[in-house]
Amino acid sequence: MKKAILKFFIYFSIFFISNLISDILFKPHIYFLTAFSTAFGISLGIATIELYINKKSKEV
């Protein structure tokens, strides 16, 4: 479980930083809430699916 939480934070920081960089490059304003919510949703989805796949592969 600790690995899943660590991977979530790694994914979150990567997506949050990349969203902020894309906002800086392509938009006139920086939208922190949009970057946060997008990064949170994507990271949570990836971490949840990865946890589910690992749990299923251990059962087989």
Protein backbone atom coordinates (compact mmCIF):
# COMPACT_ATOMS: atom_id res chain seq x y z
CA MET A 1 0.00 0.00 0.00
CA LYS A 2 2.90 2.35 0.69
CA LYS A 3 4.15 1.84 -2.86
CA ALA A 4 0.77 2.83 -4.26
CA ILE A 5 0.70 6.03 -2.22
CA LEU A 6 4.27 6.86 -3.22
CA LYS A 7 3.48 6.27 -6.89
CA PHE A 8 0.38 8.45 -6.56
CA PHE A 9 2.49 11.34 -5.25
CA ILE A 10 5.09 10.84 -7.98
CA TYR A 11 2.42 10.81 -10.70
CA PHE A 12 0.70 13.80 -9.09
CA SER A 13 3.84 15.91 -8.98
CA ILE A 14 4.77 15.05 -12.57
CA PHE A 15 1.32 15.88 -13.94
CA PHE A 16 0.91 19.00 -11.77
CA ILE A 17 4.23 20.44 -12.87
CA SER A 18 3.61 19.59 -16.52
CA ASN A 19 0.16 21.20 -16.37
CA LEU A 20 1.60 24.36 -14.86
CA ILE A 21 4.31 24.49 -17.52
CA SER A 22 1.76 24.07 -20.31
CA ASP A 23 -0.38 26.82 -18.74
CA ILE A 24 2.61 29.15 -18.63
CA LEU A 25 3.53 28.44 -22.25
CA PHE A 26 0.11 28.45 -23.92
CA LYS A 27 -2.27 30.52 -21.78
CA PRO A 28 -2.17 34.11 -20.54
CA HIS A 29 -2.99 33.08 -16.93
CA ILE A 30 -1.86 30.29 -14.64
CA TYR A 31 -4.79 28.21 -13.39
CA PHE A 32 -3.64 26.35 -10.27
CA LEU A 33 -7.03 24.79 -9.54
CA THR A 34 -7.32 23.33 -13.03
CA ALA A 35 -3.76 21.99 -12.88
CA PHE A 36 -4.42 20.53 -9.43
CA SER A 37 -7.71 18.84 -10.30
CA THR A 38 -6.39 17.41 -13.57
CA ALA A 39 -3.25 16.07 -11.93
CA PHE A 40 -5.22 14.67 -9.00
CA GLY A 41 -7.73 12.85 -11.20
CA ILE A 42 -5.17 11.37 -13.56
CA SER A 43 -2.83 10.32 -10.73
CA LEU A 44 -5.61 8.74 -8.70
CA GLY A 45 -6.87 6.85 -11.73
CA ILE A 46 -3.45 5.52 -12.69
CA ALA A 47 -2.55 4.55 -9.11
CA THR A 48 -5.91 2.82 -8.56
CA ILE A 49 -5.71 0.84 -11.79
CA GLU A 50 -2.11 -0.12 -11.07
CA LEU A 51 -3.04 -1.27 -7.55
CA TYR A 52 -5.94 -3.31 -8.95
CA ILE A 53 -3.75 -4.95 -11.61
CA ASN A 54 -1.07 -5.84 -9.07
CA LYS A 55 -3.65 -7.28 -6.69
CA LYS A 56 -5.21 -9.38 -9.48
CA SER A 57 -1.85 -10.67 -10.70
CA LYS A 58 -0.95 -11.87 -7.18
CA GLU A 59 -4.21 -13.84 -6.94
CA VAL A 60 -3.50 -15.87 -10.08
